[in-house]
C-alpha cells in the first residue's frame, strides 16, 4: 500500500479515494432525503418536524465518531507513512475502545434525561411525542452507529476505500427499504423510521467487518492498553472534526429555537425541509474531506510535501465546483424539491422556497472552508483547523442568527449560514496570502524534501 500512495500520480490517487468516498456519501445523502420524504408523506409534517428536533443526537454521536476516528486515523496514516506498523495498530485499538467508552457513558446519561434533552433541542408539547419515540430508539443503539463510523474511517485509511463505501451503501439502501416497510406497510410510525435506521446500520457494520479477513490489512487489535500521551494526541488532532459535526447539532438547535421565536411553527417546519436538504448536501463535502485526509496524512508522514500542495488544490477546486452546482440545483429546482416532502400549506411552501434561495448561497463557500480545515487537521495543524471551524460555526454564525431577524426581518434568518461561511472564506484567503503560517510547505518543501532524501 505504501508504494502505491507514494508513486501514483496525484490526480489518479485523489480520484481513487474521492469516487468511492463520494458514492458512499451520496448514497447516505439520498438515504437521508428519502427518509425525510417517507416520514413527511407517510406520517405527516409534524413527525418530520419532530425527527428534525431529534436529529442533533445523530450529530452528537457522529461528532464523537469523527473526533476520535479522524484523530486516530490521522495518527494511524502518519504512522504508516513512517513505516511504524506496531504504533499504527496500537492507535487503532485505543481509538476504538475510547469511542465505545465515551459513547456508552453519554447514552446512559441521555436516556436518564431524555425529556429534558428533547425540550432543550427545541421540542414543543405538540411535537414532543414524535421526538420521544424516535430519540429513545436512536440512543439505545447509539454505540452501534458510532462503531460503524469509526471502522469506516479506519478502513478508508487502511487503503480500502471501496469497502468503506460498500458499508455505507449497504446501510443506506437497506434504510430506504426498511423505512418503506416499517412506515407504509407495517405502519409503525416514527418508531419504524428509527428501527429502520438502527437495523440497517447494524447490517452495514457486518459488511465492514469483512475488512479484517484481508491478508494485507494493517488493522488489527493489539493488547488493550490506554497510553495517556496517545489518547491526548488523538483527541487533540480530532478536535476540529468534533467541532465541525458538533456545530451541526448547535446550528440545528439554534435555527429551531430562532425560527420558533421569530416565525413560529411555519418556520420550524420550513427549516425541517431545508435542513434535510442540508444534511444531504453536506455529506458530499464531508466525502471530499474523507477522501483527502488519508492521503494527506500519509504524505505528511512520508515528508512528500510537494504532493501535499497538489492534493490541497484538487480538494479546493472540487469543493468549489460542488458548491456552485448545489446552488444551481436549489435555484432551478426548489419548487420540485419542496413538493417531494408533501408540503401542502402555501405559507410553508413559500417560506421554504425563500429559505432555499438564500440558504444555498452558503454552499459556494462551505466546500472551500471545510477542505482547508480538513487539510490542516490532516497535517496536525490543529489550531489553524479549529480557528476556521469555530469562526464559521460559532463566532460569526450565532451573532448573525440573532442580529438578522432582530434588525432586518425574519426572512433573513436564512442568511446567517451563507454570511458566516462567506466571511470565513474571505478571511481565509486574505490570511493565507499574508501569513506564512497558513501556507505550510509552500516555501520550505524543496528544502525539506532534500533533507528527507539525505
Protein backbone atom coordinates (compact mmCIF):
# COMPACT_ATOMS: atom_id res chain seq x y z
CA UNK A 1 0.00 0.00 0.00
CA UNK A 2 2.85 2.40 0.88
CA UNK A 3 4.40 2.31 -2.59
CA UNK A 4 1.03 2.87 -4.25
CA UNK A 5 0.43 6.00 -2.18
CA UNK A 6 3.95 7.31 -2.84
CA UNK A 7 4.13 6.73 -6.58
CA UNK A 8 0.60 7.02 -8.02
CA UNK A 9 0.03 10.34 -9.89
CA UNK A 10 -1.76 12.80 -7.61
CA UNK A 11 -4.93 13.23 -9.70
CA UNK A 12 -5.35 9.49 -10.13
CA UNK A 13 -4.74 8.81 -6.43
CA UNK A 14 -7.14 11.57 -5.37
CA UNK A 15 -9.86 10.17 -7.65
CA UNK A 16 -9.18 6.65 -6.36
CA UNK A 17 -10.20 7.85 -2.89
CA UNK A 18 -12.68 10.55 -3.94
CA UNK A 19 -15.01 8.44 -6.11
CA UNK A 20 -15.74 5.67 -3.55
CA UNK A 21 -15.99 8.27 -0.78
CA UNK A 22 -18.46 10.39 -2.76
CA UNK A 23 -20.51 7.39 -3.84
CA UNK A 24 -20.80 6.21 -0.26
CA UNK A 25 -21.70 9.67 0.99
CA UNK A 26 -24.08 10.22 -1.94
CA UNK A 27 -25.95 7.05 -1.05
CA UNK A 28 -26.13 8.23 2.55
CA UNK A 29 -27.37 11.59 1.29
CA UNK A 30 -30.08 10.01 -0.86
CA UNK A 31 -30.97 7.87 2.14
CA UNK A 32 -31.41 10.98 4.32
CA UNK A 33 -33.55 12.63 1.64
CA UNK A 34 -35.76 9.57 1.11
CA UNK A 35 -36.03 9.17 4.89
CA UNK A 36 -37.46 12.68 5.15
CA UNK A 37 -39.83 12.15 2.22
CA UNK A 38 -41.14 8.87 3.68
CA UNK A 39 -41.70 10.38 7.13
CA UNK A 40 -43.39 13.51 5.75
CA UNK A 41 -45.69 11.64 3.37
CA UNK A 42 -46.24 8.50 5.47
CA UNK A 43 -46.68 10.05 8.92
CA UNK A 44 -47.08 13.80 8.48
CA UNK A 45 -45.25 17.14 8.64
CA UNK A 46 -45.42 17.17 12.47
CA UNK A 47 -43.48 13.90 12.52
CA UNK A 48 -40.89 15.40 10.15
CA UNK A 49 -40.51 18.39 12.47
CA UNK A 50 -40.26 16.00 15.45
CA UNK A 51 -37.50 13.97 13.88
CA UNK A 52 -35.69 17.16 12.90
CA UNK A 53 -35.75 18.16 16.57
CA UNK A 54 -34.17 14.77 17.45
CA UNK A 55 -31.60 14.91 14.62
CA UNK A 56 -28.96 16.70 16.76
CA UNK A 57 -28.41 13.45 18.65
CA UNK A 58 -27.11 11.98 15.37
CA UNK A 59 -24.80 14.95 15.02
CA UNK A 60 -23.56 14.49 18.57
CA UNK A 61 -22.88 10.76 18.06
CA UNK A 62 -21.27 11.43 14.69
CA UNK A 63 -19.18 14.25 16.17
CA UNK A 64 -17.72 11.82 18.72
CA UNK A 65 -17.09 9.27 15.94
CA UNK A 66 -15.26 11.89 13.88
CA UNK A 67 -13.43 13.34 16.87
CA UNK A 68 -11.86 10.03 17.83
CA UNK A 69 -11.98 8.42 14.36
CA UNK A 70 -10.33 11.26 12.43
CA UNK A 71 -7.86 11.95 15.23
CA UNK A 72 -6.87 8.30 15.47
CA UNK A 73 -6.93 7.71 11.72
CA UNK A 74 -4.68 10.72 11.09
CA UNK A 75 -2.10 9.33 13.51
CA UNK A 76 -2.65 5.86 12.02
CA UNK A 77 -1.86 7.05 8.47
CA UNK A 78 1.09 9.15 9.60
CA UNK A 79 2.50 6.07 11.35
CA UNK A 80 2.03 4.02 8.17
CA UNK A 81 3.85 6.75 6.24
CA UNK A 82 6.67 6.39 8.76
CA UNK A 83 6.50 2.56 8.31
CA UNK A 84 5.68 2.08 12.02
CA UNK A 85 3.04 -0.69 11.80
CA UNK A 86 3.08 -1.58 15.51
CA UNK A 87 2.34 2.01 16.52
CA UNK A 88 -0.44 2.27 13.90
CA UNK A 89 -2.22 -0.80 15.29
CA UNK A 90 -1.94 0.45 18.85
CA UNK A 91 -3.51 3.76 17.80
CA UNK A 92 -6.41 1.92 16.13
CA UNK A 93 -7.10 -0.19 19.23
CA UNK A 94 -7.03 2.76 21.60
CA UNK A 95 -9.26 4.84 19.32
CA UNK A 96 -11.86 2.09 19.03
CA UNK A 97 -12.24 1.43 22.75
CA UNK A 98 -12.06 5.11 23.65
CA UNK A 99 -15.05 5.81 21.38
CA UNK A 100 -17.08 2.91 22.81
CA UNK A 101 -16.47 4.03 26.41
CA UNK A 102 -17.28 7.72 25.81
CA UNK A 103 -20.46 6.99 23.82
CA UNK A 104 -21.60 4.34 26.30
CA UNK A 105 -21.46 6.85 29.17
CA UNK A 106 -23.16 9.56 27.04
CA UNK A 107 -26.02 7.23 26.06
CA UNK A 108 -26.73 6.24 29.67
CA UNK A 109 -26.84 9.90 30.76
CA UNK A 110 -29.03 10.89 27.77
CA UNK A 111 -31.56 8.12 28.41
CA UNK A 112 -31.81 9.32 32.01
CA UNK A 113 -32.61 12.91 30.95
CA UNK A 114 -34.39 12.18 27.67
CA UNK A 115 -37.34 14.55 28.13
CA UNK A 116 -35.14 17.47 29.19
CA UNK A 117 -32.90 16.90 26.15
CA UNK A 118 -35.89 16.92 23.78
CA UNK A 119 -37.09 20.31 25.05
CA UNK A 120 -33.53 21.66 25.04
CA UNK A 121 -33.36 20.74 21.34
CA UNK A 122 -36.46 22.86 20.66
CA UNK A 123 -39.40 20.47 21.13
CA UNK A 124 -42.87 21.79 21.91
CA UNK A 125 -45.70 19.92 23.69
CA UNK A 126 -47.26 19.21 20.31
CA UNK A 127 -44.12 17.75 18.75
CA UNK A 128 -42.63 16.02 21.84
CA UNK A 129 -44.38 12.63 21.34
CA UNK A 130 -42.69 12.26 17.93
CA UNK A 131 -39.33 13.35 19.33
CA UNK A 132 -39.57 10.94 22.28
CA UNK A 133 -40.31 7.81 20.21
CA UNK A 134 -37.50 8.45 17.75
CA UNK A 135 -34.89 9.70 20.22
CA UNK A 136 -35.21 6.75 22.63
CA UNK A 137 -34.51 4.10 19.98
CA UNK A 138 -31.60 6.02 18.44
CA UNK A 139 -30.00 6.44 21.87
CA UNK A 140 -30.34 2.78 22.82
CA UNK A 141 -28.48 1.71 19.68
CA UNK A 142 -26.11 4.70 19.57
CA UNK A 143 -22.96 2.63 20.17
CA UNK A 144 -23.59 0.58 17.01
CA UNK A 145 -23.83 3.76 14.93
CA UNK A 146 -20.54 5.05 16.35
CA UNK A 147 -18.68 1.76 15.83
CA UNK A 148 -19.75 1.67 12.17
CA UNK A 149 -18.44 5.21 11.64
CA UNK A 150 -15.14 4.55 13.42
CA UNK A 151 -14.45 1.40 11.41
CA UNK A 152 -15.41 3.10 8.14
CA UNK A 153 -12.85 5.87 8.77
CA UNK A 154 -10.03 3.47 9.67
CA UNK A 155 -10.80 1.09 6.80
CA UNK A 156 -10.53 4.02 4.36
CA UNK A 157 -7.18 4.92 5.91
CA UNK A 158 -6.06 1.30 5.60
CA UNK A 159 -6.24 1.53 1.82
CA UNK A 160 -9.71 0.05 1.31
CA UNK A 161 -12.00 2.97 0.38
CA UNK A 162 -14.20 0.69 -1.74
CA UNK A 163 -15.24 -1.45 1.24
CA UNK A 164 -15.83 1.69 3.31
CA UNK A 165 -18.14 2.83 0.50
CA UNK A 166 -19.85 -0.58 0.35
CA UNK A 167 -20.58 -0.48 4.09
CA UNK A 168 -22.16 2.96 3.80
CA UNK A 169 -24.05 1.92 0.67
CA UNK A 170 -25.45 -1.18 2.36
CA UNK A 171 -26.65 0.89 5.31
CA UNK A 172 -28.22 3.50 3.05
CA UNK A 173 -30.04 1.15 0.68
CA UNK A 174 -31.39 -1.04 3.48
CA UNK A 175 -32.54 2.01 5.43
CA UNK A 176 -34.67 3.07 2.46
CA UNK A 177 -36.14 -0.44 2.14
CA UNK A 178 -36.84 -0.75 5.87
CA UNK A 179 -38.33 2.74 6.01
CA UNK A 180 -40.83 1.80 3.33
CA UNK A 181 -41.72 -1.47 5.06
CA UNK A 182 -41.97 -0.07 8.57
CA UNK A 183 -43.76 3.20 7.73
CA UNK A 184 -46.04 2.35 4.79
CA UNK A 185 -46.58 -1.41 5.12
CA UNK A 186 -46.38 -2.07 8.87
CA UNK A 187 -47.46 1.48 9.87
CA UNK A 188 -45.05 1.69 12.80
CA UNK A 189 -44.86 5.48 12.58
CA UNK A 190 -41.84 7.36 13.92
CA UNK A 191 -40.62 4.25 15.75
CA UNK A 192 -40.49 2.47 12.39
CA UNK A 193 -38.21 5.19 11.00
CA UNK A 194 -35.89 4.79 13.99
CA UNK A 195 -35.81 0.97 13.75
CA UNK A 196 -35.05 1.21 10.03
CA UNK A 197 -32.00 3.34 10.86
CA UNK A 198 -30.56 1.09 13.58
CA UNK A 199 -31.15 -2.25 11.79
CA UNK A 200 -29.60 -1.04 8.53
CA UNK A 201 -26.64 0.38 10.48
CA UNK A 202 -26.03 -2.97 12.18
CA UNK A 203 -26.00 -4.79 8.82
CA UNK A 204 -23.66 -2.17 7.35
CA UNK A 205 -21.32 -2.80 10.28
CA UNK A 206 -21.24 -6.52 9.46
CA UNK A 207 -20.14 -5.66 5.90
CA UNK A 208 -17.28 -3.51 7.23
CA UNK A 209 -16.03 -6.38 9.40
CA UNK A 210 -15.08 -8.21 6.19
CA UNK A 211 -12.00 -5.94 6.06
CA UNK A 212 -10.43 -7.92 8.89
CA UNK A 213 -10.32 -11.03 6.66
CA UNK A 214 -7.89 -9.32 4.24
CA UNK A 215 -4.32 -10.60 4.50
CA UNK A 216 -2.98 -7.15 3.63
CA UNK A 217 -4.99 -5.42 6.36
CA UNK A 218 -2.95 -3.33 8.80
CA UNK A 219 -5.96 -3.01 11.11
CA UNK A 220 -5.57 -5.42 14.00
CA UNK A 221 -6.48 -5.12 17.65
CA UNK A 222 -3.46 -5.11 19.93
CA UNK A 223 -3.39 -5.82 23.65
CA UNK A 224 -5.70 -3.19 25.13
CA UNK A 225 -3.79 -0.50 26.99
CA UNK A 226 -4.50 3.21 27.06
CA UNK A 227 -1.42 5.40 26.63
CA UNK A 228 -2.23 8.84 28.02
CA UNK A 229 0.02 10.65 25.55
CA UNK A 230 -1.57 8.84 22.57
CA UNK A 231 -5.14 9.41 23.82
CA UNK A 232 -4.46 13.13 24.30
CA UNK A 233 -2.99 13.36 20.79
CA UNK A 234 -5.98 11.51 19.30
CA UNK A 235 -8.40 13.90 21.00
CA UNK A 236 -6.30 16.93 20.09
CA UNK A 237 -5.99 16.09 16.39
CA UNK A 238 -9.63 15.01 16.09
CA UNK A 239 -10.96 18.15 17.80
CA UNK A 240 -11.68 20.06 14.55
CA UNK A 241 -13.85 17.17 13.29
CA UNK A 242 -15.69 17.15 16.59
CA UNK A 243 -16.30 20.90 16.32
CA UNK A 244 -17.48 20.57 12.70
CA UNK A 245 -20.11 17.95 13.45
CA UNK A 246 -20.89 19.28 16.92
CA UNK A 247 -21.56 22.67 15.38
CA UNK A 248 -24.10 20.99 13.09
CA UNK A 249 -26.08 19.98 16.16
CA UNK A 250 -25.69 23.51 17.57
CA UNK A 251 -26.78 25.01 14.24
CA UNK A 252 -29.93 22.88 14.11
CA UNK A 253 -30.86 23.67 17.70
CA UNK A 254 -30.14 27.40 17.24
CA UNK A 255 -32.12 27.58 14.00
CA UNK A 256 -35.08 25.69 15.52
CA UNK A 257 -35.17 27.98 18.56
CA UNK A 258 -34.78 31.11 16.39
CA UNK A 259 -37.49 30.09 13.92
CA UNK A 260 -39.86 29.14 16.73
CA UNK A 261 -39.32 32.55 18.38
CA UNK A 262 -39.48 34.80 15.31
CA UNK A 263 -41.70 32.85 12.88
CA UNK A 264 -43.45 30.06 14.78
CA UNK A 265 -44.43 26.57 13.58
CA UNK A 266 -44.25 27.61 9.91
CA UNK A 267 -40.59 28.49 10.32
CA UNK A 268 -39.74 25.25 12.15
CA UNK A 269 -41.49 23.14 9.50
CA UNK A 270 -39.82 25.04 6.65
CA UNK A 271 -36.43 24.66 8.29
CA UNK A 272 -37.06 20.91 8.72
CA UNK A 273 -37.27 20.62 4.91
CA UNK A 274 -34.22 22.82 4.29
CA UNK A 275 -32.25 21.02 6.99
CA UNK A 276 -32.97 17.65 5.38
CA UNK A 277 -31.57 19.03 2.13
CA UNK A 278 -28.58 20.47 4.00
CA UNK A 279 -27.92 17.08 5.59
CA UNK A 280 -27.87 15.62 2.08
CA UNK A 281 -25.52 18.16 0.51
CA UNK A 282 -23.10 18.46 3.40
CA UNK A 283 -22.40 14.73 3.04
CA UNK A 284 -20.77 15.49 -0.31
CA UNK A 285 -18.38 17.98 1.27
CA UNK A 286 -17.64 15.52 4.07
CA UNK A 287 -16.90 12.99 1.30
CA UNK A 288 -14.24 15.30 -0.17
CA UNK A 289 -12.61 15.69 3.23
CA UNK A 290 -12.82 11.96 3.91
CA UNK A 291 -11.02 11.28 0.62
CA UNK A 292 -8.38 13.94 1.27
CA UNK A 293 -7.45 13.01 4.85
CA UNK A 294 -5.85 9.55 4.40
CA UNK A 295 -3.59 10.56 1.51
CA UNK A 296 -2.65 13.92 3.04
CA UNK A 297 -1.79 12.34 6.41
CA UNK A 298 0.27 9.62 4.73
CA UNK A 299 2.21 12.09 2.59
CA UNK A 300 2.81 14.30 5.61
CA UNK A 301 4.25 11.31 7.49
CA UNK A 302 6.36 10.41 4.45
CA UNK A 303 7.53 14.07 4.07
CA UNK A 304 6.29 14.29 0.47
CA UNK A 305 5.39 17.97 0.79
CA UNK A 306 5.22 18.92 -2.90
CA UNK A 307 2.50 16.32 -3.47
CA UNK A 308 0.63 17.66 -0.43
CA UNK A 309 0.11 21.02 -2.13
CA UNK A 310 -1.25 19.30 -5.24
CA UNK A 311 -3.81 17.38 -3.16
CA UNK A 312 -4.88 20.60 -1.45
CA UNK A 313 -5.51 22.31 -4.81
CA UNK A 314 -7.51 19.33 -6.07
CA UNK A 315 -9.64 19.33 -2.91
CA UNK A 316 -10.35 23.07 -3.04
CA UNK A 317 -11.31 23.02 -6.74
CA UNK A 318 -13.62 20.05 -6.15
CA UNK A 319 -15.28 21.74 -3.16
CA UNK A 320 -15.94 25.00 -5.03
CA UNK A 321 -17.38 23.20 -8.08
CA UNK A 322 -19.71 21.14 -5.90
CA UNK A 323 -20.90 24.27 -4.10
CA UNK A 324 -21.74 26.04 -7.35
CA UNK A 325 -23.67 23.00 -8.65
CA UNK A 326 -25.71 22.70 -5.45
CA UNK A 327 -26.65 26.40 -5.57
CA UNK A 328 -27.87 25.98 -9.16
CA UNK A 329 -29.94 22.94 -8.19
CA UNK A 330 -31.61 24.91 -5.40
CA UNK A 331 -32.37 27.92 -7.60
CA UNK A 332 -33.65 25.91 -10.58
CA UNK A 333 -35.47 23.03 -8.89
CA UNK A 334 -36.53 24.45 -5.50
CA UNK A 335 -40.26 24.00 -6.22
CA UNK A 336 -39.82 20.37 -7.26
CA UNK A 337 -37.69 19.54 -4.22
CA UNK A 338 -40.18 21.07 -1.77
CA UNK A 339 -43.09 19.23 -3.35
CA UNK A 340 -41.32 15.91 -2.72
CA UNK A 341 -41.82 16.47 1.02
CA UNK A 342 -45.59 16.61 0.64
CA UNK A 343 -45.84 20.26 1.77
CA UNK A 344 -49.47 21.34 1.25
CA UNK A 345 -49.52 24.62 3.17
CA UNK A 346 -48.96 27.52 0.78
CA UNK A 347 -47.39 29.56 3.60
CA UNK A 348 -44.88 26.82 4.43
CA UNK A 349 -44.16 26.24 0.72
CA UNK A 350 -43.44 29.94 0.06
CA UNK A 351 -41.28 30.38 3.17
CA UNK A 352 -39.30 27.21 2.36
CA UNK A 353 -38.67 28.40 -1.19
CA UNK A 354 -37.38 31.71 0.18
CA UNK A 355 -35.15 29.76 2.53
CA UNK A 356 -33.63 27.63 -0.23
CA UNK A 357 -32.81 30.67 -2.40
CA UNK A 358 -30.93 32.31 0.48
CA UNK A 359 -29.52 29.38 2.46
CA UNK A 360 -27.97 27.62 -0.56
CA UNK A 361 -25.66 30.59 -1.25
CA UNK A 362 -23.58 29.29 1.64
CA UNK A 363 -22.52 26.22 -0.37
CA UNK A 364 -20.34 28.44 -2.57
CA UNK A 365 -18.04 28.88 0.43
CA UNK A 366 -18.67 25.79 2.56
CA UNK A 367 -16.53 23.42 0.48
CA UNK A 368 -13.61 25.86 0.45
CA UNK A 369 -13.71 26.27 4.23
CA UNK A 370 -14.11 22.57 5.05
CA UNK A 371 -11.36 21.43 2.67
CA UNK A 372 -8.87 23.82 4.26
CA UNK A 373 -9.97 22.80 7.77
CA UNK A 374 -9.61 19.11 6.87
CA UNK A 375 -6.21 19.68 5.27
CA UNK A 376 -4.76 21.49 8.29
CA UNK A 377 -6.16 18.82 10.58
CA UNK A 378 -4.62 16.04 8.47
CA UNK A 379 -1.15 17.61 8.82
CA UNK A 380 -1.58 18.16 12.59
CA UNK A 381 -2.01 21.96 12.40
CA UNK A 382 -4.93 21.76 14.79
CA UNK A 383 -5.08 25.42 15.84
CA UNK A 384 -5.49 26.60 12.24
CA UNK A 385 -8.15 23.99 11.53
CA UNK A 386 -10.03 24.83 14.73
CA UNK A 387 -9.92 28.58 14.05
CA UNK A 388 -11.57 28.07 10.64
CA UNK A 389 -14.30 25.87 12.06
CA UNK A 390 -15.07 27.90 15.18
CA UNK A 391 -15.15 31.15 13.17
CA UNK A 392 -17.68 29.87 10.64
CA UNK A 393 -19.90 27.88 13.01
CA UNK A 394 -19.90 29.85 16.27
CA UNK A 395 -18.10 33.21 16.27
CA UNK A 396 -19.92 34.50 13.17
CA UNK A 397 -23.00 32.30 12.86
CA UNK A 398 -24.59 32.69 16.31
CA UNK A 399 -24.48 36.52 16.42
CA UNK A 400 -25.79 36.71 12.84
CA UNK A 401 -28.66 34.39 13.76
CA UNK A 402 -29.80 36.91 16.35
CA UNK A 403 -28.91 40.16 14.54
CA UNK A 404 -30.55 39.40 11.17
CA UNK A 405 -34.14 38.73 12.33
CA UNK A 406 -33.92 41.41 15.03
CA UNK A 407 -32.75 44.26 12.80
CA UNK A 408 -33.54 43.18 9.21
CA UNK A 409 -36.52 40.81 9.33
CA UNK A 410 -37.46 37.18 9.94
CA UNK A 411 -36.98 36.22 6.27
CA UNK A 412 -33.26 36.93 6.65
CA UNK A 413 -32.72 34.29 9.32
CA UNK A 414 -31.77 32.08 6.38
CA UNK A 415 -28.75 34.28 5.56
CA UNK A 416 -26.91 33.54 8.83
CA UNK A 417 -25.32 30.41 7.33
CA UNK A 418 -24.13 31.86 3.96
CA UNK A 419 -22.85 35.08 5.54
CA UNK A 420 -20.85 33.18 8.17
CA UNK A 421 -19.35 30.88 5.51
CA UNK A 422 -18.63 33.74 3.09
CA UNK A 423 -16.89 35.96 5.65
CA UNK A 424 -14.81 32.99 6.84
CA UNK A 425 -13.73 32.14 3.28
CA UNK A 426 -12.75 35.74 2.51
CA UNK A 427 -10.80 35.96 5.76
CA UNK A 428 -9.04 32.67 4.98
CA UNK A 429 -7.99 33.85 1.51
CA UNK A 430 -6.62 37.12 2.90
CA UNK A 431 -4.81 35.36 5.74
CA UNK A 432 -3.35 32.63 3.52
CA UNK A 433 -1.64 35.14 1.25
CA UNK A 434 -0.45 37.40 4.06
CA UNK A 435 0.59 34.91 6.75
CA UNK A 436 3.18 32.20 6.09
CA UNK A 437 1.70 30.07 8.87
CA UNK A 438 -1.37 29.42 6.74
CA UNK A 439 0.67 28.24 3.75
CA UNK A 440 2.74 25.38 5.20
CA UNK A 441 5.41 23.86 2.95
CA UNK A 442 4.90 26.50 0.23
CA UNK A 443 8.40 27.88 0.64
CA UNK A 444 10.10 25.06 2.57
CA UNK A 445 9.02 21.99 0.65
CA UNK A 446 12.15 21.76 -1.52
CA UNK A 447 14.43 22.15 1.48
CA UNK A 448 12.51 19.56 3.48
CA UNK A 449 12.46 17.15 0.56
CA UNK A 450 16.20 17.46 0.24
CA UNK A 451 16.57 16.73 3.94
CA UNK A 452 14.28 13.73 3.66
CA UNK A 453 16.36 12.29 0.82
CA UNK A 454 19.59 12.66 2.75
